[in-house]
């Protein structure tokens, strides 16, 4: 790539990074308002826990059928 193309690409990536950071901050604020004390971190943990419970429940149902 030529220098000007690289400069343009860096500017695009910086803009995208700024947008993603803004979205993460907004999501973190919403999660905290919903009662997740640590924002995204505790939301992620709760989501993983729910998924694990669903997997365990689904696995138990399948074992009963066999």
PDB file of N, CA and C in Angstrom:
ATOM      1  N   UNK A   1       0.840  -1.189   0.000  1.00  0.00           N
ATOM      2  CA  UNK A   1       0.000   0.000   0.000  1.00  0.00           C
ATOM      3  C   UNK A   1       0.876   1.240   0.000  1.00  0.00           C
ATOM      4  N   UNK A   2       0.370   2.236  -0.635  1.00  0.00           N
ATOM      5  CA  UNK A   2       1.098   3.494  -0.634  1.00  0.00           C
ATOM      6  C   UNK A   2       0.801   4.259   0.656  1.00  0.00           C
ATOM      7  N   UNK A   3       1.650   5.199   0.926  1.00  0.00           N
ATOM      8  CA  UNK A   3       1.557   5.972   2.165  1.00  0.00           C
ATOM      9  C   UNK A   3       0.171   6.588   2.352  1.00  0.00           C
ATOM     10  N   UNK A   4      -0.361   7.231   1.334  1.00  0.00           N
ATOM     11  CA  UNK A   4      -1.668   7.893   1.449  1.00  0.00           C
ATOM     12  C   UNK A   4      -2.780   6.878   1.747  1.00  0.00           C
ATOM     13  N   UNK A   5      -2.695   5.691   1.160  1.00  0.00           N
ATOM     14  CA  UNK A   5      -3.685   4.657   1.429  1.00  0.00           C
ATOM     15  C   UNK A   5      -3.595   4.174   2.873  1.00  0.00           C
ATOM     16  N   UNK A   6      -2.361   4.074   3.363  1.00  0.00           N
ATOM     17  CA  UNK A   6      -2.162   3.661   4.752  1.00  0.00           C
ATOM     18  C   UNK A   6      -2.711   4.702   5.715  1.00  0.00           C
ATOM     19  N   UNK A   7      -2.466   5.963   5.429  1.00  0.00           N
ATOM     20  CA  UNK A   7      -2.971   7.045   6.280  1.00  0.00           C
ATOM     21  C   UNK A   7      -4.496   7.019   6.297  1.00  0.00           C
ATOM     22  N   UNK A   8      -5.107   6.816   5.131  1.00  0.00           N
ATOM     23  CA  UNK A   8      -6.560   6.749   5.041  1.00  0.00           C
ATOM     24  C   UNK A   8      -7.100   5.560   5.831  1.00  0.00           C
ATOM     25  N   UNK A   9      -6.440   4.407   5.722  1.00  0.00           N
ATOM     26  CA  UNK A   9      -6.882   3.210   6.432  1.00  0.00           C
ATOM     27  C   UNK A   9      -6.758   3.385   7.937  1.00  0.00           C
ATOM     28  N   UNK A  10      -5.688   4.003   8.390  1.00  0.00           N
ATOM     29  CA  UNK A  10      -5.507   4.266   9.819  1.00  0.00           C
ATOM     30  C   UNK A  10      -6.629   5.171  10.317  1.00  0.00           C
ATOM     31  N   UNK A  11      -6.977   6.186   9.555  1.00  0.00           N
ATOM     32  CA  UNK A  11      -8.062   7.095   9.941  1.00  0.00           C
ATOM     33  C   UNK A  11      -9.392   6.337  10.038  1.00  0.00           C
ATOM     34  N   UNK A  12      -9.646   5.422   9.103  1.00  0.00           N
ATOM     35  CA  UNK A  12     -10.869   4.627   9.138  1.00  0.00           C
ATOM     36  C   UNK A  12     -10.904   3.744  10.382  1.00  0.00           C
ATOM     37  N   UNK A  13      -9.771   3.123  10.684  1.00  0.00           N
ATOM     38  CA  UNK A  13      -9.705   2.250  11.849  1.00  0.00           C
ATOM     39  C   UNK A  13      -9.852   3.030  13.155  1.00  0.00           C
ATOM     40  N   UNK A  14      -9.285   4.220  13.219  1.00  0.00           N
ATOM     41  CA  UNK A  14      -9.430   5.064  14.404  1.00  0.00           C
ATOM     42  C   UNK A  14     -10.891   5.458  14.596  1.00  0.00           C
ATOM     43  N   UNK A  15     -11.573   5.766  13.511  1.00  0.00           N
ATOM     44  CA  UNK A  15     -12.984   6.129  13.581  1.00  0.00           C
ATOM     45  C   UNK A  15     -13.821   4.940  14.063  1.00  0.00           C
ATOM     46  N   UNK A  16     -13.550   3.776  13.518  1.00  0.00           N
ATOM     47  CA  UNK A  16     -14.257   2.568  13.927  1.00  0.00           C
ATOM     48  C   UNK A  16     -14.000   2.265  15.403  1.00  0.00           C
ATOM     49  N   UNK A  17     -12.766   2.412  15.826  1.00  0.00           N
ATOM     50  CA  UNK A  17     -12.413   2.190  17.229  1.00  0.00           C
ATOM     51  C   UNK A  17     -13.184   3.149  18.138  1.00  0.00           C
ATOM     52  N   UNK A  18     -13.274   4.407  17.762  1.00  0.00           N
ATOM     53  CA  UNK A  18     -14.024   5.388  18.548  1.00  0.00           C
ATOM     54  C   UNK A  18     -15.501   4.994  18.652  1.00  0.00           C
ATOM     55  N   UNK A  19     -16.078   4.543  17.539  1.00  0.00           N
ATOM     56  CA  UNK A  19     -17.480   4.121  17.540  1.00  0.00           C
ATOM     57  C   UNK A  19     -17.700   2.928  18.464  1.00  0.00           C
ATOM     58  N   UNK A  20     -16.814   1.946  18.377  1.00  0.00           N
ATOM     59  CA  UNK A  20     -16.937   0.753  19.215  1.00  0.00           C
ATOM     60  C   UNK A  20     -16.770   1.081  20.695  1.00  0.00           C
ATOM     61  N   UNK A  21     -15.838   1.958  21.021  1.00  0.00           N
ATOM     62  CA  UNK A  21     -15.662   2.369  22.417  1.00  0.00           C
ATOM     63  C   UNK A  21     -16.899   3.079  22.944  1.00  0.00           C
ATOM     64  N   UNK A  22     -17.491   3.921  22.120  1.00  0.00           N
ATOM     65  CA  UNK A  22     -18.719   4.616  22.521  1.00  0.00           C
ATOM     66  C   UNK A  22     -19.847   3.624  22.775  1.00  0.00           C
ATOM     67  N   UNK A  23     -19.990   2.641  21.910  1.00  0.00           N
ATOM     68  CA  UNK A  23     -21.031   1.627  22.073  1.00  0.00           C
ATOM     69  C   UNK A  23     -20.805   0.813  23.344  1.00  0.00           C
ATOM     70  N   UNK A  24     -19.561   0.443  23.609  1.00  0.00           N
ATOM     71  CA  UNK A  24     -19.248  -0.317  24.825  1.00  0.00           C
ATOM     72  C   UNK A  24     -19.554   0.498  26.079  1.00  0.00           C
ATOM     73  N   UNK A  25     -19.208   1.764  26.064  1.00  0.00           N
ATOM     74  CA  UNK A  25     -19.486   2.619  27.212  1.00  0.00           C
ATOM     75  C   UNK A  25     -20.989   2.753  27.440  1.00  0.00           C
ATOM     76  N   UNK A  26     -21.746   2.892  26.353  1.00  0.00           N
ATOM     77  CA  UNK A  26     -23.192   3.000  26.447  1.00  0.00           C
ATOM     78  C   UNK A  26     -23.789   1.711  26.994  1.00  0.00           C
ATOM     79  N   UNK A  27     -23.338   0.572  26.484  1.00  0.00           N
ATOM     80  CA  UNK A  27     -23.819  -0.722  26.962  1.00  0.00           C
ATOM     81  C   UNK A  27     -23.470  -0.920  28.436  1.00  0.00           C
ATOM     82  N   UNK A  28     -22.285  -0.503  28.835  1.00  0.00           N
ATOM     83  CA  UNK A  28     -21.871  -0.608  30.228  1.00  0.00           C
ATOM     84  C   UNK A  28     -22.787   0.222  31.125  1.00  0.00           C
ATOM     85  N   UNK A  29     -23.114   1.435  30.694  1.00  0.00           N
ATOM     86  CA  UNK A  29     -24.017   2.300  31.470  1.00  0.00           C
ATOM     87  C   UNK A  29     -25.398   1.675  31.608  1.00  0.00           C
ATOM     88  N   UNK A  30     -25.914   1.123  30.521  1.00  0.00           N
ATOM     89  CA  UNK A  30     -27.233   0.484  30.558  1.00  0.00           C
ATOM     90  C   UNK A  30     -27.215  -0.714  31.496  1.00  0.00           C
ATOM     91  N   UNK A  31     -26.176  -1.520  31.407  1.00  0.00           N
ATOM     92  CA  UNK A  31     -26.071  -2.697  32.272  1.00  0.00           C
ATOM     93  C   UNK A  31     -26.054  -2.281  33.737  1.00  0.00           C
ATOM     94  N   UNK A  32     -25.336  -1.222  34.061  1.00  0.00           N
ATOM     95  CA  UNK A  32     -25.286  -0.740  35.448  1.00  0.00           C
ATOM     96  C   UNK A  32     -26.660  -0.246  35.904  1.00  0.00           C
ATOM     97  N   UNK A  33     -27.390   0.439  35.012  1.00  0.00           N
ATOM     98  CA  UNK A  33     -28.737   0.918  35.347  1.00  0.00           C
ATOM     99  C   UNK A  33     -29.691  -0.250  35.581  1.00  0.00           C
ATOM    100  N   UNK A  34     -29.454  -1.362  34.915  1.00  0.00           N
ATOM    101  CA  UNK A  34     -30.296  -2.550  35.078  1.00  0.00           C
ATOM    102  C   UNK A  34     -29.945  -3.352  36.321  1.00  0.00           C
ATOM    103  N   UNK A  35     -28.896  -2.946  37.023  1.00  0.00           N
ATOM    104  CA  UNK A  35     -28.552  -3.608  38.274  1.00  0.00           C
ATOM    105  C   UNK A  35     -27.318  -4.489  38.229  1.00  0.00           C
ATOM    106  N   UNK A  36     -26.621  -4.492  37.114  1.00  0.00           N
ATOM    107  CA  UNK A  36     -25.372  -5.247  37.031  1.00  0.00           C
ATOM    108  C   UNK A  36     -24.264  -4.355  37.583  1.00  0.00           C
ATOM    109  N   UNK A  37     -23.856  -4.645  38.801  1.00  0.00           N
ATOM    110  CA  UNK A  37     -22.963  -3.753  39.548  1.00  0.00           C
ATOM    111  C   UNK A  37     -21.675  -3.409  38.807  1.00  0.00           C
ATOM    112  N   UNK A  38     -21.124  -4.378  38.081  1.00  0.00           N
ATOM    113  CA  UNK A  38     -19.869  -4.131  37.380  1.00  0.00           C
ATOM    114  C   UNK A  38     -20.083  -3.927  35.879  1.00  0.00           C
ATOM    115  N   UNK A  39     -21.291  -3.574  35.507  1.00  0.00           N
ATOM    116  CA  UNK A  39     -21.577  -3.289  34.115  1.00  0.00           C
ATOM    117  C   UNK A  39     -21.449  -4.502  33.218  1.00  0.00           C
ATOM    118  N   UNK A  40     -20.751  -4.322  32.121  1.00  0.00           N
ATOM    119  CA  UNK A  40     -20.604  -5.386  31.125  1.00  0.00           C
ATOM    120  C   UNK A  40     -19.985  -6.636  31.736  1.00  0.00           C
ATOM    121  N   UNK A  41     -19.047  -6.454  32.637  1.00  0.00           N
ATOM    122  CA  UNK A  41     -18.371  -7.605  33.247  1.00  0.00           C
ATOM    123  C   UNK A  41     -19.371  -8.519  33.956  1.00  0.00           C
ATOM    124  N   UNK A  42     -20.244  -7.943  34.786  1.00  0.00           N
ATOM    125  CA  UNK A  42     -21.205  -8.785  35.500  1.00  0.00           C
ATOM    126  C   UNK A  42     -22.334  -9.248  34.581  1.00  0.00           C
ATOM    127  N   UNK A  43     -22.675  -8.474  33.553  1.00  0.00           N
ATOM    128  CA  UNK A  43     -23.664  -8.908  32.564  1.00  0.00           C
ATOM    129  C   UNK A  43     -23.153 -10.138  31.818  1.00  0.00           C
ATOM    130  N   UNK A  44     -21.899 -10.108  31.434  1.00  0.00           N
ATOM    131  CA  UNK A  44     -21.279 -11.239  30.741  1.00  0.00           C
ATOM    132  C   UNK A  44     -21.285 -12.476  31.628  1.00  0.00           C
ATOM    133  N   UNK A  45     -20.959 -12.306  32.882  1.00  0.00           N
ATOM    134  CA  UNK A  45     -20.936 -13.422  33.822  1.00  0.00           C
ATOM    135  C   UNK A  45     -22.334 -14.025  33.987  1.00  0.00           C
ATOM    136  N   UNK A  46     -23.342 -13.172  34.110  1.00  0.00           N
ATOM    137  CA  UNK A  46     -24.721 -13.654  34.259  1.00  0.00           C
ATOM    138  C   UNK A  46     -25.177 -14.390  33.005  1.00  0.00           C
ATOM    139  N   UNK A  47     -24.822 -13.872  31.839  1.00  0.00           N
ATOM    140  CA  UNK A  47     -25.205 -14.516  30.582  1.00  0.00           C
ATOM    141  C   UNK A  47     -24.551 -15.893  30.464  1.00  0.00           C
ATOM    142  N   UNK A  48     -23.276 -15.998  30.847  1.00  0.00           N
ATOM    143  CA  UNK A  48     -22.594 -17.292  30.806  1.00  0.00           C
ATOM    144  C   UNK A  48     -23.244 -18.287  31.756  1.00  0.00           C
ATOM    145  N   UNK A  49     -23.613 -17.806  32.927  1.00  0.00           N
ATOM    146  CA  UNK A  49     -24.261 -18.672  33.907  1.00  0.00           C
ATOM    147  C   UNK A  49     -25.593 -19.201  33.369  1.00  0.00           C
ATOM    148  N   UNK A  50     -26.380 -18.339  32.753  1.00  0.00           N
ATOM    149  CA  UNK A  50     -27.649 -18.771  32.165  1.00  0.00           C
ATOM    150  C   UNK A  50     -27.440 -19.788  31.055  1.00  0.00           C
ATOM    151  N   UNK A  51     -26.449 -19.553  30.217  1.00  0.00           N
ATOM    152  CA  UNK A  51     -26.160 -20.499  29.142  1.00  0.00           C
ATOM    153  C   UNK A  51     -25.729 -21.853  29.696  1.00  0.00           C
ATOM    154  N   UNK A  52     -24.904 -21.833  30.731  1.00  0.00           N
ATOM    155  CA  UNK A  52     -24.463 -23.085  31.352  1.00  0.00           C
ATOM    156  C   UNK A  52     -25.653 -23.843  31.934  1.00  0.00           C
ATOM    157  N   UNK A  53     -26.574 -23.116  32.581  1.00  0.00           N
ATOM    158  CA  UNK A  53     -27.763 -23.757  33.143  1.00  0.00           C
ATOM    159  C   UNK A  53     -28.616 -24.374  32.042  1.00  0.00           C
ATOM    160  N   UNK A  54     -28.747 -23.663  30.932  1.00  0.00           N
ATOM    161  CA  UNK A  54     -29.520 -24.196  29.809  1.00  0.00           C
ATOM    162  C   UNK A  54     -28.861 -25.448  29.250  1.00  0.00           C
ATOM    163  N   UNK A  55     -27.552 -25.437  29.114  1.00  0.00           N
ATOM    164  CA  UNK A  55     -26.834 -26.600  28.594  1.00  0.00           C
ATOM    165  C   UNK A  55     -26.989 -27.790  29.536  1.00  0.00           C
ATOM    166  N   UNK A  56     -26.864 -27.522  30.841  1.00  0.00           N
ATOM    167  CA  UNK A  56     -27.022 -28.589  31.828  1.00  0.00           C
ATOM    168  C   UNK A  56     -28.434 -29.153  31.778  1.00  0.00           C
ATOM    169  N   UNK A  57     -29.411 -28.289  31.692  1.00  0.00           N
ATOM    170  CA  UNK A  57     -30.805 -28.706  31.634  1.00  0.00           C
ATOM    171  C   UNK A  57     -31.077 -29.498  30.365  1.00  0.00           C
ATOM    172  N   UNK A  58     -30.564 -29.042  29.260  1.00  0.00           N
ATOM    173  CA  UNK A  58     -30.758 -29.726  27.984  1.00  0.00           C
ATOM    174  C   UNK A  58     -30.086 -31.093  28.013  1.00  0.00           C
ATOM    175  N   UNK A  59     -28.896 -31.146  28.576  1.00  0.00           N
ATOM    176  CA  UNK A  59     -28.179 -32.411  28.683  1.00  0.00           C
ATOM    177  C   UNK A  59     -28.928 -33.395  29.566  1.00  0.00           C
ATOM    178  N   UNK A  60     -29.497 -32.917  30.663  1.00  0.00           N
ATOM    179  CA  UNK A  60     -30.252 -33.781  31.555  1.00  0.00           C
ATOM    180  C   UNK A  60     -31.486 -34.327  30.861  1.00  0.00           C
ATOM    181  N   UNK A  61     -32.171 -33.502  30.083  1.00  0.00           N
ATOM    182  CA  UNK A  61     -33.354 -33.938  29.328  1.00  0.00           C
ATOM    183  C   UNK A  61     -32.987 -35.019  28.322  1.00  0.00           C
ATOM    184  N   UNK A  62     -31.862 -34.856  27.665  1.00  0.00           N
ATOM    185  CA  UNK A  62     -31.428 -35.838  26.666  1.00  0.00           C
ATOM    186  C   UNK A  62     -31.073 -37.167  27.340  1.00  0.00           C
ATOM    187  N   UNK A  63     -30.446 -37.082  28.526  1.00  0.00           N
ATOM    188  CA  UNK A  63     -30.068 -38.300  29.244  1.00  0.00           C
ATOM    189  C   UNK A  63     -31.311 -39.076  29.692  1.00  0.00           C
ATOM    190  N   UNK A  64     -32.385 -38.367  30.066  1.00  0.00           N
ATOM    191  CA  UNK A  64     -33.618 -39.002  30.494  1.00  0.00           C
ATOM    192  C   UNK A  64     -34.267 -39.767  29.353  1.00  0.00           C
ATOM    193  N   UNK A  65     -34.141 -39.260  28.134  1.00  0.00           N
ATOM    194  CA  UNK A  65     -34.755 -39.894  26.982  1.00  0.00           C
ATOM    195  C   UNK A  65     -34.074 -41.211  26.621  1.00  0.00           C
ATOM    196  N   UNK A  66     -32.805 -41.335  26.964  1.00  0.00           N
ATOM    197  CA  UNK A  66     -32.041 -42.527  26.568  1.00  0.00           C
ATOM    198  C   UNK A  66     -32.241 -43.659  27.496  1.00  0.00           C
TER     199      UNK A  66
END
